[in-house]
Amino acid sequence: MTTIRLDDELENMLETYAALENVSKSAIIKEALSEYFRNNLQTASAFELGKDLFGQTASGKADKSLHYKKLIRKKLREKHTH
């Protein structure tokens, strides 16, 4: 059992809504908490949590890990053609 304290305005809104819908205040609070947890306790993978951070480098080129061999060859050619 859990007890909560509500300010007068919220308490009045809860009582009014419960009366209009002919449902208990506890049922409304349970449903509200269930909805809150459904929306806020999503289980995301590590990739989903950090996807905005992955693939970015200081250069701003997100594909460096895919084309690193080409980049190395290019750098070597530039270095040895002078």
N, C-alpha and C. Protein backbone atom coordinates (compact mmCIF):
# COMPACT_ATOMS: atom_id res chain seq x y z
N MET A 1 0.85 -1.17 0.00
CA MET A 1 0.00 0.00 0.00
C MET A 1 0.89 1.23 0.00
N THR A 2 0.53 2.19 -0.80
CA THR A 2 1.26 3.45 -0.91
C THR A 2 0.30 4.60 -0.70
N THR A 3 0.75 5.57 0.02
CA THR A 3 -0.05 6.77 0.24
C THR A 3 0.62 7.92 -0.49
N ILE A 4 -0.19 8.75 -1.16
CA ILE A 4 0.38 9.92 -1.83
C ILE A 4 -0.32 11.17 -1.34
N ARG A 5 0.38 12.26 -1.40
CA ARG A 5 -0.18 13.56 -1.02
C ARG A 5 -0.33 14.38 -2.30
N LEU A 6 -1.52 14.91 -2.49
CA LEU A 6 -1.80 15.73 -3.66
C LEU A 6 -2.18 17.13 -3.21
N ASP A 7 -1.82 18.11 -4.03
CA ASP A 7 -2.29 19.46 -3.71
C ASP A 7 -3.80 19.52 -3.96
N ASP A 8 -4.43 20.55 -3.45
CA ASP A 8 -5.89 20.65 -3.52
C ASP A 8 -6.42 20.60 -4.95
N GLU A 9 -5.74 21.29 -5.84
CA GLU A 9 -6.21 21.34 -7.23
C GLU A 9 -6.18 19.95 -7.87
N LEU A 10 -5.09 19.23 -7.69
CA LEU A 10 -4.96 17.90 -8.26
C LEU A 10 -5.95 16.94 -7.62
N GLU A 11 -6.13 17.05 -6.33
CA GLU A 11 -7.10 16.20 -5.62
C GLU A 11 -8.51 16.45 -6.17
N ASN A 12 -8.88 17.71 -6.36
CA ASN A 12 -10.20 18.04 -6.90
C ASN A 12 -10.37 17.51 -8.32
N MET A 13 -9.34 17.64 -9.13
CA MET A 13 -9.41 17.11 -10.49
C MET A 13 -9.60 15.60 -10.48
N LEU A 14 -8.87 14.92 -9.59
CA LEU A 14 -8.98 13.47 -9.48
C LEU A 14 -10.38 13.06 -9.04
N GLU A 15 -10.90 13.71 -8.04
CA GLU A 15 -12.24 13.39 -7.54
C GLU A 15 -13.30 13.64 -8.61
N THR A 16 -13.18 14.76 -9.31
CA THR A 16 -14.14 15.09 -10.36
C THR A 16 -14.10 14.06 -11.49
N TYR A 17 -12.91 13.73 -11.92
CA TYR A 17 -12.76 12.76 -13.01
C TYR A 17 -13.29 11.39 -12.59
N ALA A 18 -12.97 10.97 -11.38
CA ALA A 18 -13.44 9.68 -10.88
C ALA A 18 -14.96 9.64 -10.85
N ALA A 19 -15.59 10.72 -10.42
CA ALA A 19 -17.05 10.77 -10.37
C ALA A 19 -17.65 10.73 -11.78
N LEU A 20 -17.05 11.49 -12.69
CA LEU A 20 -17.56 11.53 -14.07
C LEU A 20 -17.44 10.18 -14.76
N GLU A 21 -16.35 9.51 -14.53
CA GLU A 21 -16.08 8.22 -15.20
C GLU A 21 -16.61 7.03 -14.40
N ASN A 22 -17.13 7.30 -13.19
CA ASN A 22 -17.64 6.25 -12.32
C ASN A 22 -16.59 5.16 -12.08
N VAL A 23 -15.40 5.62 -11.70
CA VAL A 23 -14.28 4.73 -11.44
C VAL A 23 -13.58 5.23 -10.17
N SER A 24 -12.89 4.34 -9.50
CA SER A 24 -12.23 4.74 -8.26
C SER A 24 -10.99 5.59 -8.53
N LYS A 25 -10.64 6.40 -7.54
CA LYS A 25 -9.42 7.20 -7.65
C LYS A 25 -8.20 6.28 -7.76
N SER A 26 -8.22 5.18 -7.04
CA SER A 26 -7.10 4.23 -7.11
C SER A 26 -6.91 3.68 -8.52
N ALA A 27 -8.01 3.38 -9.19
CA ALA A 27 -7.92 2.85 -10.55
C ALA A 27 -7.30 3.88 -11.49
N ILE A 28 -7.67 5.13 -11.33
CA ILE A 28 -7.11 6.21 -12.16
C ILE A 28 -5.61 6.34 -11.91
N ILE A 29 -5.23 6.33 -10.65
CA ILE A 29 -3.81 6.47 -10.29
C ILE A 29 -3.01 5.27 -10.81
N LYS A 30 -3.56 4.06 -10.68
CA LYS A 30 -2.87 2.87 -11.19
C LYS A 30 -2.66 2.97 -12.69
N GLU A 31 -3.71 3.38 -13.41
CA GLU A 31 -3.61 3.52 -14.87
C GLU A 31 -2.60 4.60 -15.24
N ALA A 32 -2.61 5.71 -14.51
CA ALA A 32 -1.66 6.79 -14.78
C ALA A 32 -0.22 6.33 -14.56
N LEU A 33 0.01 5.58 -13.50
CA LEU A 33 1.35 5.07 -13.23
C LEU A 33 1.78 4.05 -14.28
N SER A 34 0.87 3.19 -14.67
CA SER A 34 1.19 2.21 -15.72
C SER A 34 1.59 2.91 -17.01
N GLU A 35 0.83 3.92 -17.39
CA GLU A 35 1.14 4.68 -18.60
C GLU A 35 2.49 5.39 -18.46
N TYR A 36 2.74 5.96 -17.32
CA TYR A 36 4.01 6.65 -17.07
C TYR A 36 5.18 5.68 -17.25
N PHE A 37 5.07 4.50 -16.65
CA PHE A 37 6.17 3.55 -16.74
C PHE A 37 6.32 2.98 -18.15
N ARG A 38 5.22 2.78 -18.85
CA ARG A 38 5.30 2.32 -20.24
C ARG A 38 6.08 3.33 -21.09
N ASN A 39 5.84 4.60 -20.84
CA ASN A 39 6.49 5.64 -21.64
C ASN A 39 7.92 5.93 -21.22
N ASN A 40 8.25 5.70 -19.96
CA ASN A 40 9.56 6.12 -19.46
C ASN A 40 10.54 5.01 -19.14
N LEU A 41 10.09 3.79 -19.10
CA LEU A 41 11.00 2.69 -18.79
C LEU A 41 11.20 1.79 -20.00
N GLN A 42 11.39 2.41 -21.14
CA GLN A 42 11.62 1.63 -22.34
C GLN A 42 13.00 1.00 -22.26
N THR A 43 13.07 -0.26 -22.63
CA THR A 43 14.36 -0.95 -22.60
C THR A 43 15.00 -0.79 -23.98
N ALA A 44 16.00 0.03 -24.04
CA ALA A 44 16.70 0.28 -25.29
C ALA A 44 18.05 -0.42 -25.25
N SER A 45 18.51 -0.83 -26.43
CA SER A 45 19.81 -1.46 -26.51
C SER A 45 20.90 -0.41 -26.31
N ALA A 46 22.09 -0.88 -26.07
CA ALA A 46 23.21 0.03 -25.89
C ALA A 46 23.41 0.87 -27.14
N PHE A 47 23.23 0.26 -28.31
CA PHE A 47 23.39 1.02 -29.55
C PHE A 47 22.34 2.12 -29.66
N GLU A 48 21.08 1.79 -29.36
CA GLU A 48 20.02 2.79 -29.45
C GLU A 48 20.26 3.96 -28.50
N LEU A 49 20.79 3.67 -27.32
CA LEU A 49 21.06 4.73 -26.36
C LEU A 49 22.19 5.66 -26.81
N GLY A 50 23.15 5.13 -27.56
CA GLY A 50 24.29 5.94 -27.94
C GLY A 50 24.42 6.19 -29.42
N LYS A 51 23.37 5.89 -30.21
CA LYS A 51 23.50 5.98 -31.66
C LYS A 51 23.83 7.39 -32.15
N ASP A 52 23.45 8.40 -31.41
CA ASP A 52 23.81 9.76 -31.83
C ASP A 52 25.30 10.04 -31.61
N LEU A 53 25.98 9.19 -30.86
CA LEU A 53 27.41 9.38 -30.58
C LEU A 53 28.29 8.52 -31.48
N PHE A 54 27.77 7.45 -32.02
CA PHE A 54 28.56 6.50 -32.81
C PHE A 54 28.77 7.01 -34.22
N GLY A 55 29.95 6.70 -34.76
CA GLY A 55 30.25 7.04 -36.14
C GLY A 55 30.65 8.48 -36.35
N GLN A 56 30.80 9.24 -35.31
CA GLN A 56 31.17 10.64 -35.46
C GLN A 56 32.62 10.81 -35.00
N THR A 57 33.32 11.59 -35.74
CA THR A 57 34.71 11.90 -35.38
C THR A 57 34.89 13.41 -35.40
N ALA A 58 36.02 13.84 -34.98
CA ALA A 58 36.30 15.27 -34.96
C ALA A 58 36.27 15.84 -36.38
N SER A 59 36.53 14.98 -37.37
CA SER A 59 36.53 15.45 -38.75
C SER A 59 35.11 15.64 -39.29
N GLY A 60 34.14 15.03 -38.62
CA GLY A 60 32.77 15.12 -39.09
C GLY A 60 32.44 14.06 -40.13
N LYS A 61 33.41 13.19 -40.45
CA LYS A 61 33.17 12.14 -41.43
C LYS A 61 32.73 10.87 -40.70
N ALA A 62 31.50 10.49 -40.92
CA ALA A 62 30.94 9.35 -40.19
C ALA A 62 31.36 8.01 -40.79
N ASP A 63 31.93 7.99 -42.00
CA ASP A 63 32.23 6.72 -42.66
C ASP A 63 33.70 6.34 -42.60
N LYS A 64 34.46 6.94 -41.72
CA LYS A 64 35.90 6.66 -41.66
C LYS A 64 36.19 5.18 -41.38
N SER A 65 35.40 4.55 -40.55
CA SER A 65 35.67 3.15 -40.24
C SER A 65 35.35 2.24 -41.42
N LEU A 66 34.51 2.68 -42.33
CA LEU A 66 34.16 1.87 -43.50
C LEU A 66 35.20 2.00 -44.62
N HIS A 67 35.81 3.16 -44.70
CA HIS A 67 36.72 3.44 -45.82
C HIS A 67 38.14 3.75 -45.36
N TYR A 68 38.54 3.18 -44.25
CA TYR A 68 39.85 3.53 -43.70
C TYR A 68 41.00 3.12 -44.61
N LYS A 69 40.87 1.99 -45.34
CA LYS A 69 41.95 1.56 -46.23
C LYS A 69 42.14 2.56 -47.37
N LYS A 70 41.05 3.04 -47.94
CA LYS A 70 41.15 4.04 -49.00
C LYS A 70 41.80 5.31 -48.47
N LEU A 71 41.43 5.71 -47.26
CA LEU A 71 42.00 6.92 -46.68
C LEU A 71 43.49 6.78 -46.43
N ILE A 72 43.91 5.61 -45.98
CA ILE A 72 45.34 5.37 -45.74
C ILE A 72 46.11 5.40 -47.06
N ARG A 73 45.57 4.71 -48.10
CA ARG A 73 46.24 4.72 -49.40
C ARG A 73 46.37 6.15 -49.95
N LYS A 74 45.32 6.93 -49.81
CA LYS A 74 45.33 8.30 -50.28
C LYS A 74 46.41 9.12 -49.57
N LYS A 75 46.47 8.96 -48.23
CA LYS A 75 47.46 9.70 -47.45
C LYS A 75 48.88 9.29 -47.85
N LEU A 76 49.10 7.97 -48.06
CA LEU A 76 50.42 7.49 -48.47
C LEU A 76 50.81 8.02 -49.84
N ARG A 77 49.86 8.01 -50.79
CA ARG A 77 50.14 8.55 -52.13
C ARG A 77 50.50 10.02 -52.05
N GLU A 78 49.73 10.78 -51.24
CA GLU A 78 50.02 12.20 -51.09
C GLU A 78 51.40 12.44 -50.50
N LYS A 79 51.77 11.59 -49.55
CA LYS A 79 53.06 11.76 -48.87
C LYS A 79 54.23 11.43 -49.81
N HIS A 80 54.07 10.41 -50.64
CA HIS A 80 55.20 9.94 -51.45
C HIS A 80 55.23 10.49 -52.86
N THR A 81 54.31 11.33 -53.24
CA THR A 81 54.33 11.89 -54.59
C THR A 81 55.00 13.24 -54.64
N HIS A 82 55.43 13.76 -53.54
CA HIS A 82 56.06 15.09 -53.51
C HIS A 82 57.50 15.02 -53.82
